[in-house]
Amino acid sequence: PYECSSEIEARTKIDKLISQKKWPCYFSASDTSGEKDT
């Protein structure tokens, strides 16, 4: 996994990272309705 800082970075780097056997991931804080933290 290759952690990106934004959705845009994750989308734009996909081809380059895959060629390096890496995969773009974007993980962020949960901020949507109805999501329990546990």
PDB file of all heavy atoms in Angstrom:
ATOM      1  N   PRO A   1       0.825  -1.210   0.000  1.00  0.00           N
ATOM      2  CA  PRO A   1       0.000   0.000   0.000  1.00  0.00           C
ATOM      3  C   PRO A   1       0.859   1.260   0.000  1.00  0.00           C
ATOM      4  O   PRO A   1       1.915   1.303   0.633  1.00  0.00           O
ATOM      5  CB  PRO A   1      -0.791  -0.119   1.302  1.00  0.00           C
ATOM      6  CG  PRO A   1       0.037  -0.995   2.177  1.00  0.00           C
ATOM      7  CD  PRO A   1       0.742  -1.947   1.275  1.00  0.00           C
ATOM      8  N   TYR A   2       0.402   2.273  -0.733  1.00  0.00           N
ATOM      9  CA  TYR A   2       1.078   3.568  -0.761  1.00  0.00           C
ATOM     10  C   TYR A   2       0.048   4.598  -0.312  1.00  0.00           C
ATOM     11  O   TYR A   2      -0.943   4.853  -1.008  1.00  0.00           O
ATOM     12  CB  TYR A   2       1.580   3.880  -2.168  1.00  0.00           C
ATOM     13  CG  TYR A   2       2.269   5.219  -2.298  1.00  0.00           C
ATOM     14  CD1 TYR A   2       3.654   5.326  -2.159  1.00  0.00           C
ATOM     15  CD2 TYR A   2       1.538   6.385  -2.555  1.00  0.00           C
ATOM     16  CE1 TYR A   2       4.289   6.559  -2.276  1.00  0.00           C
ATOM     17  CE2 TYR A   2       2.165   7.620  -2.662  1.00  0.00           C
ATOM     18  CZ  TYR A   2       3.542   7.701  -2.519  1.00  0.00           C
ATOM     19  OH  TYR A   2       4.175   8.927  -2.630  1.00  0.00           O
ATOM     20  N   GLU A   3       0.257   5.165   0.866  1.00  0.00           N
ATOM     21  CA  GLU A   3      -0.721   6.095   1.412  1.00  0.00           C
ATOM     22  C   GLU A   3      -0.596   7.471   0.777  1.00  0.00           C
ATOM     23  O   GLU A   3       0.475   8.079   0.787  1.00  0.00           O
ATOM     24  CB  GLU A   3      -0.575   6.191   2.934  1.00  0.00           C
ATOM     25  CG  GLU A   3      -1.034   4.924   3.637  1.00  0.00           C
ATOM     26  CD  GLU A   3      -1.533   5.187   5.045  1.00  0.00           C
ATOM     27  OE1 GLU A   3      -2.092   6.281   5.289  1.00  0.00           O
ATOM     28  OE2 GLU A   3      -1.361   4.296   5.884  1.00  0.00           O
ATOM     29  N   CYS A   4      -1.708   7.959   0.238  1.00  0.00           N
ATOM     30  CA  CYS A   4      -1.762   9.268  -0.405  1.00  0.00           C
ATOM     31  C   CYS A   4      -2.415  10.282   0.531  1.00  0.00           C
ATOM     32  O   CYS A   4      -3.133   9.919   1.466  1.00  0.00           O
ATOM     33  CB  CYS A   4      -2.546   9.173  -1.715  1.00  0.00           C
ATOM     34  SG  CYS A   4      -1.817   8.044  -2.926  1.00  0.00           S
ATOM     35  N   SER A   5      -2.170  11.536   0.248  1.00  0.00           N
ATOM     36  CA  SER A   5      -2.674  12.603   1.119  1.00  0.00           C
ATOM     37  C   SER A   5      -4.023  13.151   0.668  1.00  0.00           C
ATOM     38  O   SER A   5      -4.632  13.965   1.359  1.00  0.00           O
ATOM     39  CB  SER A   5      -1.666  13.754   1.189  1.00  0.00           C
ATOM     40  OG  SER A   5      -1.430  14.279  -0.110  1.00  0.00           O
ATOM     41  N   SER A   6      -4.505  12.716  -0.508  1.00  0.00           N
ATOM     42  CA  SER A   6      -5.794  13.192  -1.013  1.00  0.00           C
ATOM     43  C   SER A   6      -6.352  12.205  -2.036  1.00  0.00           C
ATOM     44  O   SER A   6      -5.627  11.350  -2.566  1.00  0.00           O
ATOM     45  CB  SER A   6      -5.640  14.568  -1.676  1.00  0.00           C
ATOM     46  OG  SER A   6      -4.880  14.460  -2.875  1.00  0.00           O
ATOM     47  N   GLU A   7      -7.636  12.336  -2.325  1.00  0.00           N
ATOM     48  CA  GLU A   7      -8.251  11.523  -3.365  1.00  0.00           C
ATOM     49  C   GLU A   7      -7.612  11.806  -4.718  1.00  0.00           C
ATOM     50  O   GLU A   7      -7.368  10.887  -5.510  1.00  0.00           O
ATOM     51  CB  GLU A   7      -9.758  11.802  -3.437  1.00  0.00           C
ATOM     52  CG  GLU A   7     -10.558  11.292  -2.255  1.00  0.00           C
ATOM     53  CD  GLU A   7     -12.053  11.466  -2.459  1.00  0.00           C
ATOM     54  OE1 GLU A   7     -12.454  11.918  -3.560  1.00  0.00           O
ATOM     55  OE2 GLU A   7     -12.824  11.145  -1.536  1.00  0.00           O
ATOM     56  N   ILE A   8      -7.341  13.078  -4.971  1.00  0.00           N
ATOM     57  CA  ILE A   8      -6.759  13.460  -6.260  1.00  0.00           C
ATOM     58  C   ILE A   8      -5.398  12.802  -6.461  1.00  0.00           C
ATOM     59  O   ILE A   8      -5.098  12.255  -7.533  1.00  0.00           O
ATOM     60  CB  ILE A   8      -6.635  15.001  -6.364  1.00  0.00           C
ATOM     61  CG1 ILE A   8      -8.030  15.645  -6.381  1.00  0.00           C
ATOM     62  CG2 ILE A   8      -5.844  15.398  -7.601  1.00  0.00           C
ATOM     63  CD1 ILE A   8      -8.014  17.152  -6.329  1.00  0.00           C
ATOM     64  N   GLU A   9      -4.549  12.840  -5.433  1.00  0.00           N
ATOM     65  CA  GLU A   9      -3.238  12.197  -5.539  1.00  0.00           C
ATOM     66  C   GLU A   9      -3.391  10.704  -5.808  1.00  0.00           C
ATOM     67  O   GLU A   9      -2.679  10.133  -6.651  1.00  0.00           O
ATOM     68  CB  GLU A   9      -2.439  12.405  -4.254  1.00  0.00           C
ATOM     69  CG  GLU A   9      -1.041  11.767  -4.321  1.00  0.00           C
ATOM     70  CD  GLU A   9      -0.301  11.787  -2.997  1.00  0.00           C
ATOM     71  OE1 GLU A   9      -0.889  12.209  -1.983  1.00  0.00           O
ATOM     72  OE2 GLU A   9       0.879  11.352  -2.980  1.00  0.00           O
ATOM     73  N   ALA A  10      -4.331  10.068  -5.116  1.00  0.00           N
ATOM     74  CA  ALA A  10      -4.535   8.625  -5.284  1.00  0.00           C
ATOM     75  C   ALA A  10      -4.974   8.297  -6.713  1.00  0.00           C
ATOM     76  O   ALA A  10      -4.510   7.306  -7.297  1.00  0.00           O
ATOM     77  CB  ALA A  10      -5.568   8.127  -4.279  1.00  0.00           C
ATOM     78  N   ARG A  11      -5.847   9.128  -7.276  1.00  0.00           N
ATOM     79  CA  ARG A  11      -6.324   8.861  -8.634  1.00  0.00           C
ATOM     80  C   ARG A  11      -5.244   9.108  -9.680  1.00  0.00           C
ATOM     81  O   ARG A  11      -5.102   8.352 -10.639  1.00  0.00           O
ATOM     82  CB  ARG A  11      -7.560   9.716  -8.939  1.00  0.00           C
ATOM     83  CG  ARG A  11      -8.838   9.219  -8.281  1.00  0.00           C
ATOM     84  CD  ARG A  11     -10.064   9.907  -8.871  1.00  0.00           C
ATOM     85  NE  ARG A  11     -10.079  11.341  -8.544  1.00  0.00           N
ATOM     86  CZ  ARG A  11     -10.695  11.870  -7.488  1.00  0.00           C
ATOM     87  NH1 ARG A  11     -11.336  11.077  -6.641  1.00  0.00           N
ATOM     88  NH2 ARG A  11     -10.681  13.167  -7.281  1.00  0.00           N
ATOM     89  N   THR A  12      -4.478  10.169  -9.503  1.00  0.00           N
ATOM     90  CA  THR A  12      -3.500  10.556 -10.535  1.00  0.00           C
ATOM     91  C   THR A  12      -2.246   9.686 -10.532  1.00  0.00           C
ATOM     92  O   THR A  12      -1.565   9.568 -11.549  1.00  0.00           O
ATOM     93  CB  THR A  12      -3.099  12.028 -10.370  1.00  0.00           C
ATOM     94  OG1 THR A  12      -2.606  12.244  -9.039  1.00  0.00           O
ATOM     95  CG2 THR A  12      -4.282  12.941 -10.625  1.00  0.00           C
ATOM     96  N   LYS A  13      -1.924   9.058  -9.421  1.00  0.00           N
ATOM     97  CA  LYS A  13      -0.689   8.269  -9.336  1.00  0.00           C
ATOM     98  C   LYS A  13      -0.889   6.772  -9.578  1.00  0.00           C
ATOM     99  O   LYS A  13       0.063   5.998  -9.483  1.00  0.00           O
ATOM    100  CB  LYS A  13      -0.043   8.462  -7.958  1.00  0.00           C
ATOM    101  CG  LYS A  13       0.592   9.827  -7.758  1.00  0.00           C
ATOM    102  CD  LYS A  13       1.331   9.890  -6.432  1.00  0.00           C
ATOM    103  CE  LYS A  13       2.083  11.218  -6.271  1.00  0.00           C
ATOM    104  NZ  LYS A  13       2.807  11.299  -4.979  1.00  0.00           N
ATOM    105  N   ILE A  14      -2.108   6.374  -9.903  1.00  0.00           N
ATOM    106  CA  ILE A  14      -2.432   4.958  -9.971  1.00  0.00           C
ATOM    107  C   ILE A  14      -1.527   4.178 -10.927  1.00  0.00           C
ATOM    108  O   ILE A  14      -0.955   3.143 -10.563  1.00  0.00           O
ATOM    109  CB  ILE A  14      -3.933   4.753 -10.317  1.00  0.00           C
ATOM    110  CG1 ILE A  14      -4.302   3.264 -10.290  1.00  0.00           C
ATOM    111  CG2 ILE A  14      -4.309   5.385 -11.636  1.00  0.00           C
ATOM    112  CD1 ILE A  14      -4.451   2.674  -8.950  1.00  0.00           C
ATOM    113  N   ASP A  15      -1.366   4.644 -12.159  1.00  0.00           N
ATOM    114  CA  ASP A  15      -0.593   3.890 -13.153  1.00  0.00           C
ATOM    115  C   ASP A  15       0.886   3.803 -12.776  1.00  0.00           C
ATOM    116  O   ASP A  15       1.508   2.738 -12.880  1.00  0.00           O
ATOM    117  CB  ASP A  15      -0.741   4.533 -14.538  1.00  0.00           C
ATOM    118  CG  ASP A  15      -2.161   4.393 -15.090  1.00  0.00           C
ATOM    119  OD1 ASP A  15      -2.825   3.393 -14.741  1.00  0.00           O
ATOM    120  OD2 ASP A  15      -2.604   5.275 -15.844  1.00  0.00           O
ATOM    121  N   LYS A  16       1.436   4.922 -12.332  1.00  0.00           N
ATOM    122  CA  LYS A  16       2.852   4.943 -11.958  1.00  0.00           C
ATOM    123  C   LYS A  16       3.128   4.010 -10.779  1.00  0.00           C
ATOM    124  O   LYS A  16       4.105   3.237 -10.794  1.00  0.00           O
ATOM    125  CB  LYS A  16       3.268   6.374 -11.606  1.00  0.00           C
ATOM    126  CG  LYS A  16       4.737   6.511 -11.213  1.00  0.00           C
ATOM    127  CD  LYS A  16       5.070   7.952 -10.870  1.00  0.00           C
ATOM    128  CE  LYS A  16       6.538   8.078 -10.444  1.00  0.00           C
ATOM    129  NZ  LYS A  16       6.876   9.497 -10.096  1.00  0.00           N
ATOM    130  N   LEU A  17       2.273   4.047  -9.775  1.00  0.00           N
ATOM    131  CA  LEU A  17       2.493   3.230  -8.588  1.00  0.00           C
ATOM    132  C   LEU A  17       2.320   1.741  -8.880  1.00  0.00           C
ATOM    133  O   LEU A  17       3.087   0.902  -8.387  1.00  0.00           O
ATOM    134  CB  LEU A  17       1.534   3.656  -7.469  1.00  0.00           C
ATOM    135  CG  LEU A  17       1.842   5.015  -6.819  1.00  0.00           C
ATOM    136  CD1 LEU A  17       0.709   5.444  -5.903  1.00  0.00           C
ATOM    137  CD2 LEU A  17       3.151   4.951  -6.041  1.00  0.00           C
ATOM    138  N   ILE A  18       1.335   1.399  -9.694  1.00  0.00           N
ATOM    139  CA  ILE A  18       1.114  -0.011 -10.019  1.00  0.00           C
ATOM    140  C   ILE A  18       2.341  -0.595 -10.722  1.00  0.00           C
ATOM    141  O   ILE A  18       2.710  -1.750 -10.471  1.00  0.00           O
ATOM    142  CB  ILE A  18      -0.151  -0.174 -10.888  1.00  0.00           C
ATOM    143  CG1 ILE A  18      -1.399   0.054 -10.035  1.00  0.00           C
ATOM    144  CG2 ILE A  18      -0.197  -1.563 -11.535  1.00  0.00           C
ATOM    145  CD1 ILE A  18      -2.711  -0.015 -10.801  1.00  0.00           C
ATOM    146  N   SER A  19       2.958   0.191 -11.561  1.00  0.00           N
ATOM    147  CA  SER A  19       4.163  -0.290 -12.262  1.00  0.00           C
ATOM    148  C   SER A  19       5.311  -0.569 -11.293  1.00  0.00           C
ATOM    149  O   SER A  19       6.244  -1.312 -11.618  1.00  0.00           O
ATOM    150  CB  SER A  19       4.606   0.741 -13.313  1.00  0.00           C
ATOM    151  OG  SER A  19       5.072   1.938 -12.695  1.00  0.00           O
ATOM    152  N   GLN A  20       5.243   0.014 -10.100  1.00  0.00           N
ATOM    153  CA  GLN A  20       6.265  -0.186  -9.066  1.00  0.00           C
ATOM    154  C   GLN A  20       5.803  -1.209  -8.016  1.00  0.00           C
ATOM    155  O   GLN A  20       6.412  -1.330  -6.952  1.00  0.00           O
ATOM    156  CB  GLN A  20       6.568   1.151  -8.378  1.00  0.00           C
ATOM    157  CG  GLN A  20       7.093   2.223  -9.318  1.00  0.00           C
ATOM    158  CD  GLN A  20       7.167   3.602  -8.652  1.00  0.00           C
ATOM    159  OE1 GLN A  20       6.850   3.759  -7.467  1.00  0.00           O
ATOM    160  NE2 GLN A  20       7.589   4.601  -9.413  1.00  0.00           N
ATOM    161  N   LYS A  21       4.725  -1.944  -8.317  1.00  0.00           N
ATOM    162  CA  LYS A  21       4.137  -2.933  -7.401  1.00  0.00           C
ATOM    163  C   LYS A  21       3.670  -2.276  -6.093  1.00  0.00           C
ATOM    164  O   LYS A  21       3.715  -2.866  -5.012  1.00  0.00           O
ATOM    165  CB  LYS A  21       5.116  -4.072  -7.094  1.00  0.00           C
ATOM    166  CG  LYS A  21       5.582  -4.835  -8.331  1.00  0.00           C
ATOM    167  CD  LYS A  21       4.403  -5.493  -9.062  1.00  0.00           C
ATOM    168  CE  LYS A  21       3.849  -6.679  -8.314  1.00  0.00           C
ATOM    169  NZ  LYS A  21       2.765  -7.391  -9.062  1.00  0.00           N
ATOM    170  N   LYS A  22       3.190  -1.043  -6.228  1.00  0.00           N
ATOM    171  CA  LYS A  22       2.579  -0.334  -5.113  1.00  0.00           C
ATOM    172  C   LYS A  22       1.141   0.008  -5.495  1.00  0.00           C
ATOM    173  O   LYS A  22       0.805   0.076  -6.679  1.00  0.00           O
ATOM    174  CB  LYS A  22       3.349   0.945  -4.785  1.00  0.00           C
ATOM    175  CG  LYS A  22       4.791   0.704  -4.350  1.00  0.00           C
ATOM    176  CD  LYS A  22       5.510   2.029  -4.101  1.00  0.00           C
ATOM    177  CE  LYS A  22       6.966   1.790  -3.702  1.00  0.00           C
ATOM    178  NZ  LYS A  22       7.695   3.069  -3.491  1.00  0.00           N
ATOM    179  N   TRP A  23       0.305   0.230  -4.469  1.00  0.00           N
ATOM    180  CA  TRP A  23      -1.093   0.551  -4.759  1.00  0.00           C
ATOM    181  C   TRP A  23      -1.516   1.780  -3.954  1.00  0.00           C
ATOM    182  O   TRP A  23      -1.354   1.821  -2.733  1.00  0.00           O
ATOM    183  CB  TRP A  23      -2.011  -0.620  -4.391  1.00  0.00           C
ATOM    184  CG  TRP A  23      -3.284  -0.602  -5.199  1.00  0.00           C
ATOM    185  CD1 TRP A  23      -4.410   0.090  -4.926  1.00  0.00           C
ATOM    186  CD2 TRP A  23      -3.515  -1.284  -6.433  1.00  0.00           C
ATOM    187  NE1 TRP A  23      -5.349  -0.106  -5.910  1.00  0.00           N
ATOM    188  CE2 TRP A  23      -4.829  -0.956  -6.845  1.00  0.00           C
ATOM    189  CE3 TRP A  23      -2.747  -2.151  -7.231  1.00  0.00           C
ATOM    190  CZ2 TRP A  23      -5.388  -1.469  -8.013  1.00  0.00           C
ATOM    191  CZ3 TRP A  23      -3.313  -2.648  -8.391  1.00  0.00           C
ATOM    192  CH2 TRP A  23      -4.614  -2.311  -8.778  1.00  0.00           C
ATOM    193  N   PRO A  24      -2.067   2.792  -4.656  1.00  0.00           N
ATOM    194  CA  PRO A  24      -2.460   4.015  -3.948  1.00  0.00           C
ATOM    195  C   PRO A  24      -3.660   3.792  -3.033  1.00  0.00           C
ATOM    196  O   PRO A  24      -4.643   3.157  -3.414  1.00  0.00           O
ATOM    197  CB  PRO A  24      -2.822   4.982  -5.083  1.00  0.00           C
ATOM    198  CG  PRO A  24      -3.195   4.105  -6.227  1.00  0.00           C
ATOM    199  CD  PRO A  24      -2.344   2.873  -6.106  1.00  0.00           C
ATOM    200  N   CYS A  25      -3.569   4.296  -1.809  1.00  0.00           N
ATOM    201  CA  CYS A  25      -4.648   4.208  -0.827  1.00  0.00           C
ATOM    202  C   CYS A  25      -4.860   5.584  -0.209  1.00  0.00           C
ATOM    203  O   CYS A  25      -3.896   6.311   0.055  1.00  0.00           O
ATOM    204  CB  CYS A  25      -4.294   3.221   0.291  1.00  0.00           C
ATOM    205  SG  CYS A  25      -3.985   1.536  -0.260  1.00  0.00           S
ATOM    206  N   TYR A  26      -6.105   5.926   0.003  1.00  0.00           N
ATOM    207  CA  TYR A  26      -6.405   7.170   0.704  1.00  0.00           C
ATOM    208  C   TYR A  26      -7.351   6.871   1.863  1.00  0.00           C
ATOM    209  O   TYR A  26      -8.505   6.489   1.663  1.00  0.00           O
ATOM    210  CB  TYR A  26      -7.047   8.192  -0.232  1.00  0.00           C
ATOM    211  CG  TYR A  26      -7.470   9.459   0.497  1.00  0.00           C
ATOM    212  CD1 TYR A  26      -6.518  10.258   1.136  1.00  0.00           C
ATOM    213  CD2 TYR A  26      -8.803   9.835   0.582  1.00  0.00           C
ATOM    214  CE1 TYR A  26      -6.886  11.402   1.825  1.00  0.00           C
ATOM    215  CE2 TYR A  26      -9.191  10.985   1.260  1.00  0.00           C
ATOM    216  CZ  TYR A  26      -8.221  11.758   1.885  1.00  0.00           C
ATOM    217  OH  TYR A  26      -8.589  12.889   2.568  1.00  0.00           O
ATOM    218  N   PHE A  27      -6.843   6.995   3.066  1.00  0.00           N
ATOM    219  CA  PHE A  27      -7.635   6.767   4.271  1.00  0.00           C
ATOM    220  C   PHE A  27      -7.774   8.076   5.030  1.00  0.00           C
ATOM    221  O   PHE A  27      -6.799   8.803   5.218  1.00  0.00           O
ATOM    222  CB  PHE A  27      -6.982   5.704   5.148  1.00  0.00           C
ATOM    223  CG  PHE A  27      -6.936   4.348   4.491  1.00  0.00           C
ATOM    224  CD1 PHE A  27      -5.753   3.864   3.945  1.00  0.00           C
ATOM    225  CD2 PHE A  27      -8.075   3.574   4.390  1.00  0.00           C
ATOM    226  CE1 PHE A  27      -5.708   2.627   3.326  1.00  0.00           C
ATOM    227  CE2 PHE A  27      -8.049   2.332   3.776  1.00  0.00           C
ATOM    228  CZ  PHE A  27      -6.864   1.857   3.244  1.00  0.00           C
ATOM    229  N   SER A  28      -8.998   8.353   5.461  1.00  0.00           N
ATOM    230  CA  SER A  28      -9.278   9.630   6.132  1.00  0.00           C
ATOM    231  C   SER A  28     -10.198   9.404   7.324  1.00  0.00           C
ATOM    232  O   SER A  28     -10.764   8.321   7.505  1.00  0.00           O
ATOM    233  CB  SER A  28      -9.931  10.603   5.146  1.00  0.00           C
ATOM    234  OG  SER A  28     -11.140  10.052   4.624  1.00  0.00           O
ATOM    235  N   ALA A  29     -10.347  10.438   8.127  1.00  0.00           N
ATOM    236  CA  ALA A  29     -11.202  10.355   9.312  1.00  0.00           C
ATOM    237  C   ALA A  29     -12.662  10.159   8.904  1.00  0.00           C
ATOM    238  O   ALA A  29     -13.117  10.717   7.899  1.00  0.00           O
ATOM    239  CB  ALA A  29     -11.051  11.610  10.151  1.00  0.00           C
ATOM    240  N   SER A  30     -13.380   9.361   9.678  1.00  0.00           N
ATOM    241  CA  SER A  30     -14.798   9.151   9.421  1.00  0.00           C
ATOM    242  C   SER A  30     -15.580  10.406   9.800  1.00  0.00           C
ATOM    243  O   SER A  30     -15.507  10.873  10.935  1.00  0.00           O
ATOM    244  CB  SER A  30     -15.299   7.957  10.236  1.00  0.00           C
ATOM    245  OG  SER A  30     -16.686   7.786  10.063  1.00  0.00           O
ATOM    246  N   ASP A  31     -16.325  10.948   8.835  1.00  0.00           N
ATOM    247  CA  ASP A  31     -17.066  12.183   9.101  1.00  0.00           C
ATOM    248  C   ASP A  31     -18.463  12.150   8.484  1.00  0.00           C
ATOM    249  O   ASP A  31     -19.067  13.180   8.224  1.00  0.00           O
ATOM    250  CB  ASP A  31     -16.298  13.403   8.574  1.00  0.00           C
ATOM    251  CG  ASP A  31     -16.013  13.326   7.079  1.00  0.00           C
ATOM    252  OD1 ASP A  31     -16.357  12.295   6.450  1.00  0.00           O
ATOM    253  OD2 ASP A  31     -15.449  14.294   6.533  1.00  0.00           O
ATOM    254  N   THR A  32     -18.977  10.942   8.244  1.00  0.00           N
ATOM    255  CA  THR A  32     -20.298  10.809   7.640  1.00  0.00           C
ATOM    256  C   THR A  32     -21.330  10.370   8.678  1.00  0.00           C
ATOM    257  O   THR A  32     -20.996   9.795   9.709  1.00  0.00           O
ATOM    258  CB  THR A  32     -20.270   9.789   6.485  1.00  0.00           C
ATOM    259  OG1 THR A  32     -19.735   8.550   6.957  1.00  0.00           O
ATOM    260  CG2 THR A  32     -19.406  10.312   5.343  1.00  0.00           C
ATOM    261  N   SER A  33     -22.592  10.630   8.370  1.00  0.00           N
ATOM    262  CA  SER A  33     -23.675  10.343   9.310  1.00  0.00           C
ATOM    263  C   SER A  33     -23.775   8.856   9.631  1.00  0.00           C
ATOM    264  O   SER A  33     -23.612   8.001   8.760  1.00  0.00           O
ATOM    265  CB  SER A  33     -25.011  10.822   8.731  1.00  0.00           C
ATOM    266  OG  SER A  33     -25.020  12.218   8.574  1.00  0.00           O
ATOM    267  N   GLY A  34     -24.061   8.567  10.903  1.00  0.00           N
ATOM    268  CA  GLY A  34     -24.403   7.214  11.309  1.00  0.00           C
ATOM    269  C   GLY A  34     -23.267   6.232  11.460  1.00  0.00           C
ATOM    270  O   GLY A  34     -23.502   5.037  11.609  1.00  0.00           O
ATOM    271  N   GLU A  35     -22.026   6.709  11.453  1.00  0.00           N
ATOM    272  CA  GLU A  35     -20.885   5.792  11.548  1.00  0.00           C
ATOM    273  C   GLU A  35     -20.399   5.681  12.990  1.00  0.00           C
ATOM    274  O   GLU A  35     -19.888   6.639  13.563  1.00  0.00           O
ATOM    275  CB  GLU A  35     -19.741   6.248  10.638  1.00  0.00           C
ATOM    276  CG  GLU A  35     -20.008   6.070   9.156  1.00  0.00           C
ATOM    277  CD  GLU A  35     -20.119   4.612   8.749  1.00  0.00           C
ATOM    278  OE1 GLU A  35     -19.557   3.739   9.442  1.00  0.00           O
ATOM    279  OE2 GLU A  35     -20.776   4.339   7.729  1.00  0.00           O
ATOM    280  N   LYS A  36     -20.548   4.503  13.564  1.00  0.00           N
ATOM    281  CA  LYS A  36     -20.054   4.225  14.909  1.00  0.00           C
ATOM    282  C   LYS A  36     -18.555   3.967  14.850  1.00  0.00           C
ATOM    283  O   LYS A  36     -18.070   3.338  13.912  1.00  0.00           O
ATOM    284  CB  LYS A  36     -20.756   2.974  15.452  1.00  0.00           C
ATOM    285  CG  LYS A  36     -21.538   3.155  16.732  1.00  0.00           C
ATOM    286  CD  LYS A  36     -22.178   1.834  17.129  1.00  0.00           C
ATOM    287  CE  LYS A  36     -22.905   1.967  18.452  1.00  0.00           C
ATOM    288  NZ  LYS A  36     -23.567   0.699  18.812  1.00  0.00           N
ATOM    289  N   ASP A  37     -17.806   4.412  15.867  1.00  0.00           N
ATOM    290  CA  ASP A  37     -16.363   4.194  15.836  1.00  0.00           C
ATOM    291  C   ASP A  37     -15.981   2.810  16.349  1.00  0.00           C
ATOM    292  O   ASP A  37     -14.835   2.385  16.214  1.00  0.00           O
ATOM    293  CB  ASP A  37     -15.621   5.279  16.626  1.00  0.00           C
ATOM    294  CG  ASP A  37     -16.059   5.344  18.089  1.00  0.00           C
ATOM    295  OD1 ASP A  37     -16.979   4.594  18.462  1.00  0.00           O
ATOM    296  OD2 ASP A  37     -15.481   6.145  18.835  1.00  0.00           O
ATOM    297  N   THR A  38     -16.940   2.085  16.944  1.00  0.00           N
ATOM    298  CA  THR A  38     -16.677   0.715  17.393  1.00  0.00           C
ATOM    299  C   THR A  38     -17.968  -0.075  17.288  1.00  0.00           C
ATOM    300  O   THR A  38     -18.999   0.442  16.858  1.00  0.00           O
ATOM    301  CB  THR A  38     -16.137   0.689  18.828  1.00  0.00           C
ATOM    302  OG1 THR A  38     -15.717  -0.639  19.156  1.00  0.00           O
ATOM    303  CG2 THR A  38     -17.180   1.162  19.816  1.00  0.00           C
TER     304      THR A  38
END
